[in-house]
């Protein structure tokens, strides 16, 4: 047998201290090359493929799928001398699935790990540290829906998904320009309001692993087609589990879209470190006063939760009204 080395779980960044083994790409006896992906792990923020830093023959896989491993702990042993593998090496016993389930008489318990556990901790922290207030606005978005259909026919949008979310995102970014205080955070240590210059727009994405909130960096600098591509790419990779860790931190405000699940509205909880979050309800036909007559119009309910330490109700209402005004008359959005 040649020299044996251990590949340890590296620090993948963003201050994470552990990860869950999701899937092994190798097994004992396999020959691996430098930079060959050997294992997929799930951190609290993303799925990450880990390449081997060495070449040789896999001697032992030290953790089964579903095991939580600390940063710096060994993941597998590699014989870098190239000698034949000795018989008798294999996977150690560990939890057999990603989420351990214990069956009792009338209930089932699911062990929360990864994204689910991180989201739970973040929501509790936000709910009990930032004084939440929510303000509501119903908007006639019939013109916005007409613009969505028009944009879908334009050549510059031929290869991207155009949805109402795109125009809501555009309206939010435009409204930030005149209401800078919403793009801010509260510094607990100094008691200061920190105004952010760039707009890193977060979007809540429901995934099989839990809620992710990746953000479009510098959304205020993007054209509408660029914003459409950025949102489509970000949401798609979040659902696939390939979001980069840096895309899941540093957001400055967020849009949640519960309307796609058929609900009219909700009271969203702030992402820690942000001042506002906008929830977009479902768009449905409702009786509406239009041009002096009662008509069926496409209407949506917007709900804006805000941190009352940073902004007051007047500013929050003005910001929400600005978003609503753009959606009622969206000519400047396209």
C-alpha atoms as a PDB file:
ATOM      1  CA  UNK A   1       0.000   0.000   0.000  1.00  0.00           C
ATOM      2  CA  UNK A   2       1.262   3.465  -0.852  1.00  0.00           C
ATOM      3  CA  UNK A   3       0.936   6.711   1.054  1.00  0.00           C
ATOM      4  CA  UNK A   4      -2.584   7.453   2.236  1.00  0.00           C
ATOM      5  CA  UNK A   5      -4.041  10.953   2.558  1.00  0.00           C
ATOM      6  CA  UNK A   6      -7.366  12.223   3.803  1.00  0.00           C
ATOM      7  CA  UNK A   7      -9.545  14.711   1.971  1.00  0.00           C
ATOM      8  CA  UNK A   8     -11.135  16.962   4.580  1.00  0.00           C
ATOM      9  CA  UNK A   9     -14.330  19.025   4.253  1.00  0.00           C
ATOM     10  CA  UNK A  10     -13.071  22.443   3.123  1.00  0.00           C
ATOM     11  CA  UNK A  11     -14.386  25.817   4.217  1.00  0.00           C
ATOM     12  CA  UNK A  12     -16.768  26.697   1.362  1.00  0.00           C
ATOM     13  CA  UNK A  13     -17.122  30.258   2.634  1.00  0.00           C
ATOM     14  CA  UNK A  14     -19.837  32.471   4.116  1.00  0.00           C
ATOM     15  CA  UNK A  15     -18.977  31.441   7.693  1.00  0.00           C
ATOM     16  CA  UNK A  16     -20.511  27.965   7.420  1.00  0.00           C
ATOM     17  CA  UNK A  17     -19.267  25.365   9.890  1.00  0.00           C
ATOM     18  CA  UNK A  18     -20.803  22.112   8.640  1.00  0.00           C
ATOM     19  CA  UNK A  19     -22.406  20.386   5.684  1.00  0.00           C
ATOM     20  CA  UNK A  20     -24.557  17.322   4.982  1.00  0.00           C
ATOM     21  CA  UNK A  21     -23.262  14.622   2.640  1.00  0.00           C
ATOM     22  CA  UNK A  22     -25.858  14.368  -0.142  1.00  0.00           C
ATOM     23  CA  UNK A  23     -24.329  12.024  -2.732  1.00  0.00           C
ATOM     24  CA  UNK A  24     -21.015  10.305  -3.268  1.00  0.00           C
ATOM     25  CA  UNK A  25     -19.649  10.250  -6.814  1.00  0.00           C
ATOM     26  CA  UNK A  26     -16.956   7.675  -5.966  1.00  0.00           C
ATOM     27  CA  UNK A  27     -16.626   4.479  -3.964  1.00  0.00           C
ATOM     28  CA  UNK A  28     -13.704   2.429  -2.576  1.00  0.00           C
ATOM     29  CA  UNK A  29     -11.532   1.157  -5.390  1.00  0.00           C
ATOM     30  CA  UNK A  30     -12.236   4.035  -7.778  1.00  0.00           C
ATOM     31  CA  UNK A  31      -9.294   5.921  -9.261  1.00  0.00           C
ATOM     32  CA  UNK A  32      -9.729   9.686  -8.948  1.00  0.00           C
ATOM     33  CA  UNK A  33      -7.966  12.584 -10.635  1.00  0.00           C
ATOM     34  CA  UNK A  34      -7.210  16.054  -9.346  1.00  0.00           C
ATOM     35  CA  UNK A  35     -10.298  18.309  -9.602  1.00  0.00           C
ATOM     36  CA  UNK A  36     -12.623  15.353 -10.207  1.00  0.00           C
ATOM     37  CA  UNK A  37     -15.892  15.835  -8.304  1.00  0.00           C
ATOM     38  CA  UNK A  38     -16.038  13.182  -5.580  1.00  0.00           C
ATOM     39  CA  UNK A  39     -18.946  14.246  -3.380  1.00  0.00           C
ATOM     40  CA  UNK A  40     -21.939  16.588  -3.302  1.00  0.00           C
ATOM     41  CA  UNK A  41     -22.698  18.280   0.023  1.00  0.00           C
ATOM     42  CA  UNK A  42     -25.481  20.549   1.196  1.00  0.00           C
ATOM     43  CA  UNK A  43     -24.642  23.555   3.333  1.00  0.00           C
ATOM     44  CA  UNK A  44     -27.206  25.772   4.982  1.00  0.00           C
ATOM     45  CA  UNK A  45     -27.232  27.839   1.798  1.00  0.00           C
ATOM     46  CA  UNK A  46     -26.562  25.708  -1.251  1.00  0.00           C
ATOM     47  CA  UNK A  47     -25.605  22.394  -2.812  1.00  0.00           C
ATOM     48  CA  UNK A  48     -21.870  22.285  -3.469  1.00  0.00           C
ATOM     49  CA  UNK A  49     -19.838  19.845  -5.563  1.00  0.00           C
ATOM     50  CA  UNK A  50     -16.425  19.176  -4.027  1.00  0.00           C
ATOM     51  CA  UNK A  51     -13.489  18.253  -6.295  1.00  0.00           C
ATOM     52  CA  UNK A  52     -10.610  16.068  -5.144  1.00  0.00           C
ATOM     53  CA  UNK A  53      -7.364  17.950  -4.396  1.00  0.00           C
ATOM     54  CA  UNK A  54      -5.338  14.803  -5.096  1.00  0.00           C
ATOM     55  CA  UNK A  55      -5.129  11.830  -7.421  1.00  0.00           C
ATOM     56  CA  UNK A  56      -5.009   8.192  -6.452  1.00  0.00           C
ATOM     57  CA  UNK A  57      -7.262   5.318  -5.422  1.00  0.00           C
ATOM     58  CA  UNK A  58     -10.160   5.735  -3.005  1.00  0.00           C
ATOM     59  CA  UNK A  59      -9.488   3.571   0.045  1.00  0.00           C
ATOM     60  CA  UNK A  60     -12.334   4.508   2.350  1.00  0.00           C
ATOM     61  CA  UNK A  61     -15.432   6.712   2.306  1.00  0.00           C
ATOM     62  CA  UNK A  62     -15.774   7.934   5.870  1.00  0.00           C
ATOM     63  CA  UNK A  63     -19.378   9.172   5.975  1.00  0.00           C
ATOM     64  CA  UNK A  64     -22.613   7.892   4.529  1.00  0.00           C
ATOM     65  CA  UNK A  65     -25.166  10.003   2.725  1.00  0.00           C
ATOM     66  CA  UNK A  66     -27.207  12.036   5.186  1.00  0.00           C
ATOM     67  CA  UNK A  67     -24.372  12.512   7.658  1.00  0.00           C
ATOM     68  CA  UNK A  68     -23.590  16.000   8.972  1.00  0.00           C
ATOM     69  CA  UNK A  69     -19.845  16.671   8.809  1.00  0.00           C
ATOM     70  CA  UNK A  70     -17.934  19.533  10.437  1.00  0.00           C
ATOM     71  CA  UNK A  71     -15.619  21.721   8.380  1.00  0.00           C
ATOM     72  CA  UNK A  72     -12.119  20.254   8.654  1.00  0.00           C
ATOM     73  CA  UNK A  73     -13.309  16.703   9.310  1.00  0.00           C
ATOM     74  CA  UNK A  74     -12.037  13.967   6.933  1.00  0.00           C
ATOM     75  CA  UNK A  75     -14.405  12.898   4.172  1.00  0.00           C
ATOM     76  CA  UNK A  76     -12.487  10.093   2.487  1.00  0.00           C
ATOM     77  CA  UNK A  77      -9.090   8.413   2.378  1.00  0.00           C
ATOM     78  CA  UNK A  78      -7.093   8.226  -0.835  1.00  0.00           C
ATOM     79  CA  UNK A  79      -4.066   6.042  -1.583  1.00  0.00           C
ATOM     80  CA  UNK A  80      -1.895   8.463  -3.542  1.00  0.00           C
ATOM     81  CA  UNK A  81       0.781   5.819  -4.168  1.00  0.00           C
ATOM     82  CA  UNK A  82      -1.358   3.887  -6.608  1.00  0.00           C
ATOM     83  CA  UNK A  83      -1.016   0.505  -4.860  1.00  0.00           C
ATOM     84  CA  UNK A  84      -3.955  -1.947  -5.109  1.00  0.00           C
ATOM     85  CA  UNK A  85      -6.791  -1.430  -2.687  1.00  0.00           C
ATOM     86  CA  UNK A  86      -6.888  -3.809   0.283  1.00  0.00           C
ATOM     87  CA  UNK A  87     -10.116  -5.720   0.807  1.00  0.00           C
ATOM     88  CA  UNK A  88     -12.281  -4.790   3.752  1.00  0.00           C
ATOM     89  CA  UNK A  89     -12.692  -1.034   3.413  1.00  0.00           C
ATOM     90  CA  UNK A  90     -16.140   0.472   3.048  1.00  0.00           C
ATOM     91  CA  UNK A  91     -18.665   3.006   4.224  1.00  0.00           C
ATOM     92  CA  UNK A  92     -19.079   3.507   7.938  1.00  0.00           C
ATOM     93  CA  UNK A  93     -22.537   3.200   9.461  1.00  0.00           C
ATOM     94  CA  UNK A  94     -24.459   6.472   9.611  1.00  0.00           C
ATOM     95  CA  UNK A  95     -27.886   7.920   9.104  1.00  0.00           C
ATOM     96  CA  UNK A  96     -29.354   6.292   5.953  1.00  0.00           C
ATOM     97  CA  UNK A  97     -31.252   9.320   4.603  1.00  0.00           C
ATOM     98  CA  UNK A  98     -30.790  13.059   4.355  1.00  0.00           C
ATOM     99  CA  UNK A  99     -33.491  13.766   6.918  1.00  0.00           C
ATOM    100  CA  UNK A 100     -33.767  11.243   9.720  1.00  0.00           C
ATOM    101  CA  UNK A 101     -37.370  10.230  10.408  1.00  0.00           C
ATOM    102  CA  UNK A 102     -38.495   8.663  13.664  1.00  0.00           C
ATOM    103  CA  UNK A 103     -41.852   6.948  13.632  1.00  0.00           C
ATOM    104  CA  UNK A 104     -43.912   7.060  16.837  1.00  0.00           C
ATOM    105  CA  UNK A 105     -47.488   6.070  17.461  1.00  0.00           C
ATOM    106  CA  UNK A 106     -49.387   9.016  15.950  1.00  0.00           C
ATOM    107  CA  UNK A 107     -46.729  11.316  14.559  1.00  0.00           C
ATOM    108  CA  UNK A 108     -43.670  11.522  12.396  1.00  0.00           C
ATOM    109  CA  UNK A 109     -40.651  13.645  13.222  1.00  0.00           C
ATOM    110  CA  UNK A 110     -38.385  15.087  10.570  1.00  0.00           C
ATOM    111  CA  UNK A 111     -34.870  16.132  11.498  1.00  0.00           C
ATOM    112  CA  UNK A 112     -34.329  19.591   9.973  1.00  0.00           C
ATOM    113  CA  UNK A 113     -30.939  20.053   8.339  1.00  0.00           C
ATOM    114  CA  UNK A 114     -29.298  22.313   5.788  1.00  0.00           C
ATOM    115  CA  UNK A 115     -31.495  24.974   4.204  1.00  0.00           C
ATOM    116  CA  UNK A 116     -34.562  24.077   6.295  1.00  0.00           C
ATOM    117  CA  UNK A 117     -32.714  24.457   9.601  1.00  0.00           C
ATOM    118  CA  UNK A 118     -30.994  27.665   8.534  1.00  0.00           C
ATOM    119  CA  UNK A 119     -34.283  29.214   7.370  1.00  0.00           C
ATOM    120  CA  UNK A 120     -36.000  28.336  10.641  1.00  0.00           C
ATOM    121  CA  UNK A 121     -33.253  29.986  12.676  1.00  0.00           C
ATOM    122  CA  UNK A 122     -33.222  33.096  10.476  1.00  0.00           C
ATOM    123  CA  UNK A 123     -37.007  33.556  10.614  1.00  0.00           C
ATOM    124  CA  UNK A 124     -37.092  33.239  14.413  1.00  0.00           C
ATOM    125  CA  UNK A 125     -34.271  35.737  14.745  1.00  0.00           C
ATOM    126  CA  UNK A 126     -35.977  38.189  12.398  1.00  0.00           C
ATOM    127  CA  UNK A 127     -39.432  37.867  13.971  1.00  0.00           C
ATOM    128  CA  UNK A 128     -38.145  38.510  17.489  1.00  0.00           C
ATOM    129  CA  UNK A 129     -35.576  41.240  16.799  1.00  0.00           C
ATOM    130  CA  UNK A 130     -37.088  43.486  14.102  1.00  0.00           C
ATOM    131  CA  UNK A 131     -40.443  45.124  14.973  1.00  0.00           C
ATOM    132  CA  UNK A 132     -42.501  44.047  11.956  1.00  0.00           C
ATOM    133  CA  UNK A 133     -45.357  46.097  10.556  1.00  0.00           C
ATOM    134  CA  UNK A 134     -47.251  45.197   7.374  1.00  0.00           C
ATOM    135  CA  UNK A 135     -49.108  47.565   5.077  1.00  0.00           C
ATOM    136  CA  UNK A 136     -51.391  46.467   2.214  1.00  0.00           C
ATOM    137  CA  UNK A 137     -52.414  47.740  -1.195  1.00  0.00           C
ATOM    138  CA  UNK A 138     -54.789  46.377  -3.842  1.00  0.00           C
ATOM    139  CA  UNK A 139     -53.778  47.249  -7.373  1.00  0.00           C
ATOM    140  CA  UNK A 140     -55.490  46.970 -10.757  1.00  0.00           C
ATOM    141  CA  UNK A 141     -52.729  45.275 -12.754  1.00  0.00           C
ATOM    142  CA  UNK A 142     -54.715  44.777 -15.958  1.00  0.00           C
ATOM    143  CA  UNK A 143     -52.306  47.098 -17.859  1.00  0.00           C
ATOM    144  CA  UNK A 144     -49.337  45.204 -16.389  1.00  0.00           C
ATOM    145  CA  UNK A 145     -50.717  41.881 -17.636  1.00  0.00           C
ATOM    146  CA  UNK A 146     -51.200  43.413 -21.080  1.00  0.00           C
ATOM    147  CA  UNK A 147     -47.580  44.555 -21.032  1.00  0.00           C
ATOM    148  CA  UNK A 148     -46.450  41.056 -20.027  1.00  0.00           C
ATOM    149  CA  UNK A 149     -48.156  39.627 -23.105  1.00  0.00           C
ATOM    150  CA  UNK A 150     -46.597  42.335 -25.272  1.00  0.00           C
ATOM    151  CA  UNK A 151     -43.090  41.727 -23.923  1.00  0.00           C
ATOM    152  CA  UNK A 152     -43.358  38.014 -24.656  1.00  0.00           C
ATOM    153  CA  UNK A 153     -43.648  38.882 -28.352  1.00  0.00           C
ATOM    154  CA  UNK A 154     -40.559  41.081 -28.430  1.00  0.00           C
ATOM    155  CA  UNK A 155     -37.359  39.569 -29.894  1.00  0.00           C
ATOM    156  CA  UNK A 156     -35.209  40.627 -26.941  1.00  0.00           C
ATOM    157  CA  UNK A 157     -37.321  38.434 -24.627  1.00  0.00           C
ATOM    158  CA  UNK A 158     -37.536  35.422 -26.932  1.00  0.00           C
ATOM    159  CA  UNK A 159     -35.270  33.208 -24.819  1.00  0.00           C
ATOM    160  CA  UNK A 160     -36.398  34.197 -21.313  1.00  0.00           C
ATOM    161  CA  UNK A 161     -39.502  33.814 -19.185  1.00  0.00           C
ATOM    162  CA  UNK A 162     -41.549  36.985 -18.845  1.00  0.00           C
ATOM    163  CA  UNK A 163     -43.954  36.972 -15.899  1.00  0.00           C
ATOM    164  CA  UNK A 164     -45.644  39.589 -13.694  1.00  0.00           C
ATOM    165  CA  UNK A 165     -42.795  39.084 -11.215  1.00  0.00           C
ATOM    166  CA  UNK A 166     -40.411  40.717 -13.687  1.00  0.00           C
ATOM    167  CA  UNK A 167     -42.438  43.933 -13.828  1.00  0.00           C
ATOM    168  CA  UNK A 168     -42.985  43.929 -10.049  1.00  0.00           C
ATOM    169  CA  UNK A 169     -39.223  43.636  -9.612  1.00  0.00           C
ATOM    170  CA  UNK A 170     -38.712  46.510 -12.045  1.00  0.00           C
ATOM    171  CA  UNK A 171     -41.259  48.646 -10.179  1.00  0.00           C
ATOM    172  CA  UNK A 172     -39.588  47.890  -6.841  1.00  0.00           C
ATOM    173  CA  UNK A 173     -36.155  48.869  -8.137  1.00  0.00           C
ATOM    174  CA  UNK A 174     -37.561  52.102  -9.587  1.00  0.00           C
ATOM    175  CA  UNK A 175     -39.303  52.955  -6.308  1.00  0.00           C
ATOM    176  CA  UNK A 176     -36.081  52.468  -4.331  1.00  0.00           C
ATOM    177  CA  UNK A 177     -34.499  55.348  -6.249  1.00  0.00           C
ATOM    178  CA  UNK A 178     -36.970  57.794  -4.657  1.00  0.00           C
ATOM    179  CA  UNK A 179     -37.165  56.054  -1.266  1.00  0.00           C
ATOM    180  CA  UNK A 180     -33.568  55.192  -0.394  1.00  0.00           C
ATOM    181  CA  UNK A 181     -34.336  54.440   3.233  1.00  0.00           C
ATOM    182  CA  UNK A 182     -36.054  51.156   2.331  1.00  0.00           C
ATOM    183  CA  UNK A 183     -32.745  49.881   0.966  1.00  0.00           C
ATOM    184  CA  UNK A 184     -31.107  49.831   4.368  1.00  0.00           C
ATOM    185  CA  UNK A 185     -30.430  47.807   7.489  1.00  0.00           C
ATOM    186  CA  UNK A 186     -30.291  48.332  11.248  1.00  0.00           C
ATOM    187  CA  UNK A 187     -26.919  47.937  13.000  1.00  0.00           C
ATOM    188  CA  UNK A 188     -27.639  46.460  16.439  1.00  0.00           C
ATOM    189  CA  UNK A 189     -24.130  47.147  17.727  1.00  0.00           C
ATOM    190  CA  UNK A 190     -24.104  50.879  16.983  1.00  0.00           C
ATOM    191  CA  UNK A 191     -27.804  51.698  16.818  1.00  0.00           C
ATOM    192  CA  UNK A 192     -27.271  53.166  13.353  1.00  0.00           C
ATOM    193  CA  UNK A 193     -29.272  52.946  10.129  1.00  0.00           C
ATOM    194  CA  UNK A 194     -27.027  51.729   7.319  1.00  0.00           C
ATOM    195  CA  UNK A 195     -28.141  53.009   3.898  1.00  0.00           C
ATOM    196  CA  UNK A 196     -27.093  50.758   1.016  1.00  0.00           C
ATOM    197  CA  UNK A 197     -26.117  52.225  -2.346  1.00  0.00           C
ATOM    198  CA  UNK A 198     -26.489  49.117  -4.558  1.00  0.00           C
ATOM    199  CA  UNK A 199     -29.806  47.323  -4.875  1.00  0.00           C
ATOM    200  CA  UNK A 200     -29.298  43.577  -4.452  1.00  0.00           C
ATOM    201  CA  UNK A 201     -32.825  42.318  -5.053  1.00  0.00           C
ATOM    202  CA  UNK A 202     -33.726  39.058  -3.314  1.00  0.00           C
ATOM    203  CA  UNK A 203     -36.407  36.686  -4.588  1.00  0.00           C
ATOM    204  CA  UNK A 204     -37.962  33.975  -2.434  1.00  0.00           C
ATOM    205  CA  UNK A 205     -37.781  30.581  -4.160  1.00  0.00           C
ATOM    206  CA  UNK A 206     -39.530  27.467  -2.850  1.00  0.00           C
ATOM    207  CA  UNK A 207     -37.333  24.379  -3.359  1.00  0.00           C
ATOM    208  CA  UNK A 208     -37.462  20.745  -2.298  1.00  0.00           C
ATOM    209  CA  UNK A 209     -34.846  21.586   0.341  1.00  0.00           C
ATOM    210  CA  UNK A 210     -36.711  24.591   1.741  1.00  0.00           C
ATOM    211  CA  UNK A 211     -36.964  28.322   1.079  1.00  0.00           C
ATOM    212  CA  UNK A 212     -34.016  30.014  -0.619  1.00  0.00           C
ATOM    213  CA  UNK A 213     -33.640  33.758  -1.155  1.00  0.00           C
ATOM    214  CA  UNK A 214     -30.962  34.341  -3.797  1.00  0.00           C
ATOM    215  CA  UNK A 215     -30.463  37.925  -4.898  1.00  0.00           C
ATOM    216  CA  UNK A 216     -29.798  39.711  -8.172  1.00  0.00           C
ATOM    217  CA  UNK A 217     -26.694  41.802  -7.632  1.00  0.00           C
ATOM    218  CA  UNK A 218     -26.890  45.459  -8.719  1.00  0.00           C
ATOM    219  CA  UNK A 219     -30.438  45.090 -10.000  1.00  0.00           C
ATOM    220  CA  UNK A 220     -30.672  48.878 -10.352  1.00  0.00           C
ATOM    221  CA  UNK A 221     -28.090  48.818 -13.167  1.00  0.00           C
ATOM    222  CA  UNK A 222     -29.878  46.248 -15.345  1.00  0.00           C
ATOM    223  CA  UNK A 223     -32.089  46.831 -18.345  1.00  0.00           C
ATOM    224  CA  UNK A 224     -35.442  45.041 -18.395  1.00  0.00           C
ATOM    225  CA  UNK A 225     -34.169  42.182 -20.644  1.00  0.00           C
ATOM    226  CA  UNK A 226     -31.081  41.842 -18.429  1.00  0.00           C
ATOM    227  CA  UNK A 227     -33.227  41.747 -15.301  1.00  0.00           C
ATOM    228  CA  UNK A 228     -35.461  39.094 -16.922  1.00  0.00           C
ATOM    229  CA  UNK A 229     -32.451  36.887 -17.666  1.00  0.00           C
ATOM    230  CA  UNK A 230     -30.962  37.417 -14.225  1.00  0.00           C
ATOM    231  CA  UNK A 231     -34.206  36.438 -12.477  1.00  0.00           C
ATOM    232  CA  UNK A 232     -34.785  33.424 -14.716  1.00  0.00           C
ATOM    233  CA  UNK A 233     -31.252  32.169 -14.222  1.00  0.00           C
ATOM    234  CA  UNK A 234     -31.273  32.761 -10.461  1.00  0.00           C
ATOM    235  CA  UNK A 235     -34.631  31.084  -9.836  1.00  0.00           C
ATOM    236  CA  UNK A 236     -33.762  28.153 -12.100  1.00  0.00           C
ATOM    237  CA  UNK A 237     -30.456  27.438 -10.398  1.00  0.00           C
ATOM    238  CA  UNK A 238     -32.019  27.819  -6.944  1.00  0.00           C
ATOM    239  CA  UNK A 239     -34.514  25.075  -7.788  1.00  0.00           C
ATOM    240  CA  UNK A 240     -31.738  22.898  -9.217  1.00  0.00           C
ATOM    241  CA  UNK A 241     -29.646  23.417  -6.094  1.00  0.00           C
ATOM    242  CA  UNK A 242     -26.708  25.004  -7.929  1.00  0.00           C
ATOM    243  CA  UNK A 243     -26.878  28.534  -6.507  1.00  0.00           C
ATOM    244  CA  UNK A 244     -23.484  29.922  -5.533  1.00  0.00           C
ATOM    245  CA  UNK A 245     -23.109  30.767  -1.810  1.00  0.00           C
ATOM    246  CA  UNK A 246     -22.378  34.444  -2.512  1.00  0.00           C
ATOM    247  CA  UNK A 247     -25.724  34.755  -4.324  1.00  0.00           C
ATOM    248  CA  UNK A 248     -27.554  33.862  -1.108  1.00  0.00           C
ATOM    249  CA  UNK A 249     -26.086  36.619   1.047  1.00  0.00           C
ATOM    250  CA  UNK A 250     -25.873  40.390   0.823  1.00  0.00           C
ATOM    251  CA  UNK A 251     -29.435  41.072  -0.298  1.00  0.00           C
ATOM    252  CA  UNK A 252     -30.810  44.537   0.465  1.00  0.00           C
ATOM    253  CA  UNK A 253     -34.571  43.948  -0.005  1.00  0.00           C
ATOM    254  CA  UNK A 254     -36.722  41.037  -1.091  1.00  0.00           C
ATOM    255  CA  UNK A 255     -39.809  40.046  -3.101  1.00  0.00           C
ATOM    256  CA  UNK A 256     -41.852  37.017  -2.060  1.00  0.00           C
ATOM    257  CA  UNK A 257     -44.351  35.532  -4.499  1.00  0.00           C
ATOM    258  CA  UNK A 258     -46.921  33.435  -2.586  1.00  0.00           C
ATOM    259  CA  UNK A 259     -49.531  34.211  -5.229  1.00  0.00           C
ATOM    260  CA  UNK A 260     -48.183  31.441  -7.455  1.00  0.00           C
ATOM    261  CA  UNK A 261     -49.556  28.990  -4.870  1.00  0.00           C
ATOM    262  CA  UNK A 262     -53.058  30.464  -5.097  1.00  0.00           C
ATOM    263  CA  UNK A 263     -53.098  32.726  -2.029  1.00  0.00           C
ATOM    264  CA  UNK A 264     -54.334  36.310  -2.117  1.00  0.00           C
ATOM    265  CA  UNK A 265     -51.867  37.785   0.360  1.00  0.00           C
ATOM    266  CA  UNK A 266     -49.717  37.185   3.423  1.00  0.00           C
ATOM    267  CA  UNK A 267     -47.575  38.895   6.036  1.00  0.00           C
ATOM    268  CA  UNK A 268     -43.999  38.143   4.999  1.00  0.00           C
ATOM    269  CA  UNK A 269     -41.193  37.961   7.561  1.00  0.00           C
ATOM    270  CA  UNK A 270     -38.162  40.116   6.880  1.00  0.00           C
ATOM    271  CA  UNK A 271     -34.930  38.552   5.746  1.00  0.00           C
ATOM    272  CA  UNK A 272     -32.450  39.296   8.561  1.00  0.00           C
ATOM    273  CA  UNK A 273     -30.475  42.441   7.768  1.00  0.00           C
ATOM    274  CA  UNK A 274     -33.108  43.918   5.440  1.00  0.00           C
ATOM    275  CA  UNK A 275     -35.715  46.619   6.027  1.00  0.00           C
ATOM    276  CA  UNK A 276     -38.555  45.654   3.661  1.00  0.00           C
ATOM    277  CA  UNK A 277     -40.009  42.588   1.996  1.00  0.00           C
ATOM    278  CA  UNK A 278     -42.838  42.726  -0.547  1.00  0.00           C
ATOM    279  CA  UNK A 279     -45.304  39.846  -0.908  1.00  0.00           C
ATOM    280  CA  UNK A 280     -47.072  39.483  -4.258  1.00  0.00           C
ATOM    281  CA  UNK A 281     -50.464  37.764  -4.023  1.00  0.00           C
ATOM    282  CA  UNK A 282     -52.297  35.951  -6.793  1.00  0.00           C
ATOM    283  CA  UNK A 283     -53.610  37.955  -9.713  1.00  0.00           C
ATOM    284  CA  UNK A 284     -57.343  37.340 -10.164  1.00  0.00           C
ATOM    285  CA  UNK A 285     -60.361  38.905 -11.858  1.00  0.00           C
ATOM    286  CA  UNK A 286     -62.372  41.037  -9.440  1.00  0.00           C
ATOM    287  CA  UNK A 287     -65.102  43.682  -9.728  1.00  0.00           C
ATOM    288  CA  UNK A 288     -63.365  47.058  -9.896  1.00  0.00           C
ATOM    289  CA  UNK A 289     -64.395  50.662 -10.477  1.00  0.00           C
ATOM    290  CA  UNK A 290     -62.803  51.551 -13.822  1.00  0.00           C
ATOM    291  CA  UNK A 291     -63.424  54.770 -15.755  1.00  0.00           C
ATOM    292  CA  UNK A 292     -66.602  55.435 -13.830  1.00  0.00           C
ATOM    293  CA  UNK A 293     -68.080  51.972 -14.329  1.00  0.00           C
ATOM    294  CA  UNK A 294     -67.941  48.615 -12.567  1.00  0.00           C
ATOM    295  CA  UNK A 295     -65.853  46.152 -14.565  1.00  0.00           C
ATOM    296  CA  UNK A 296     -63.977  42.892 -14.144  1.00  0.00           C
ATOM    297  CA  UNK A 297     -60.297  43.743 -13.819  1.00  0.00           C
ATOM    298  CA  UNK A 298     -57.170  41.788 -12.941  1.00  0.00           C
ATOM    299  CA  UNK A 299     -56.307  42.746  -9.374  1.00  0.00           C
ATOM    300  CA  UNK A 300     -53.485  41.846  -7.005  1.00  0.00           C
ATOM    301  CA  UNK A 301     -52.851  42.465  -3.328  1.00  0.00           C
ATOM    302  CA  UNK A 302     -49.398  43.703  -2.349  1.00  0.00           C
ATOM    303  CA  UNK A 303     -48.240  43.332   1.259  1.00  0.00           C
ATOM    304  CA  UNK A 304     -45.146  45.195   2.466  1.00  0.00           C
ATOM    305  CA  UNK A 305     -43.587  44.226   5.787  1.00  0.00           C
ATOM    306  CA  UNK A 306     -41.025  46.678   7.154  1.00  0.00           C
ATOM    307  CA  UNK A 307     -38.677  47.196  10.085  1.00  0.00           C
ATOM    308  CA  UNK A 308     -40.159  50.024  12.142  1.00  0.00           C
ATOM    309  CA  UNK A 309     -36.742  50.814  13.607  1.00  0.00           C
ATOM    310  CA  UNK A 310     -35.551  51.946  10.191  1.00  0.00           C
ATOM    311  CA  UNK A 311     -38.608  53.483   8.505  1.00  0.00           C
ATOM    312  CA  UNK A 312     -42.031  54.600   9.619  1.00  0.00           C
ATOM    313  CA  UNK A 313     -45.485  53.914   8.207  1.00  0.00           C
ATOM    314  CA  UNK A 314     -45.534  57.035   6.052  1.00  0.00           C
ATOM    315  CA  UNK A 315     -42.391  56.148   4.134  1.00  0.00           C
ATOM    316  CA  UNK A 316     -43.422  52.492   3.808  1.00  0.00           C
ATOM    317  CA  UNK A 317     -46.814  53.537   2.444  1.00  0.00           C
ATOM    318  CA  UNK A 318     -45.263  55.994  -0.017  1.00  0.00           C
ATOM    319  CA  UNK A 319     -42.888  53.309  -1.262  1.00  0.00           C
ATOM    320  CA  UNK A 320     -45.676  50.756  -1.659  1.00  0.00           C
ATOM    321  CA  UNK A 321     -47.872  53.323  -3.422  1.00  0.00           C
ATOM    322  CA  UNK A 322     -45.051  54.080  -5.858  1.00  0.00           C
ATOM    323  CA  UNK A 323     -44.757  50.380  -6.706  1.00  0.00           C
ATOM    324  CA  UNK A 324     -48.522  50.141  -7.147  1.00  0.00           C
ATOM    325  CA  UNK A 325     -48.648  53.243  -9.327  1.00  0.00           C
ATOM    326  CA  UNK A 326     -46.078  51.780 -11.736  1.00  0.00           C
ATOM    327  CA  UNK A 327     -48.067  48.546 -11.971  1.00  0.00           C
ATOM    328  CA  UNK A 328     -51.298  50.432 -12.692  1.00  0.00           C
ATOM    329  CA  UNK A 329     -49.576  52.497 -15.402  1.00  0.00           C
ATOM    330  CA  UNK A 330     -46.593  50.379 -16.482  1.00  0.00           C
ATOM    331  CA  UNK A 331     -45.572  52.271 -19.622  1.00  0.00           C
ATOM    332  CA  UNK A 332     -42.288  53.341 -17.986  1.00  0.00           C
ATOM    333  CA  UNK A 333     -41.480  49.754 -16.926  1.00  0.00           C
ATOM    334  CA  UNK A 334     -41.157  48.371 -20.434  1.00  0.00           C
END
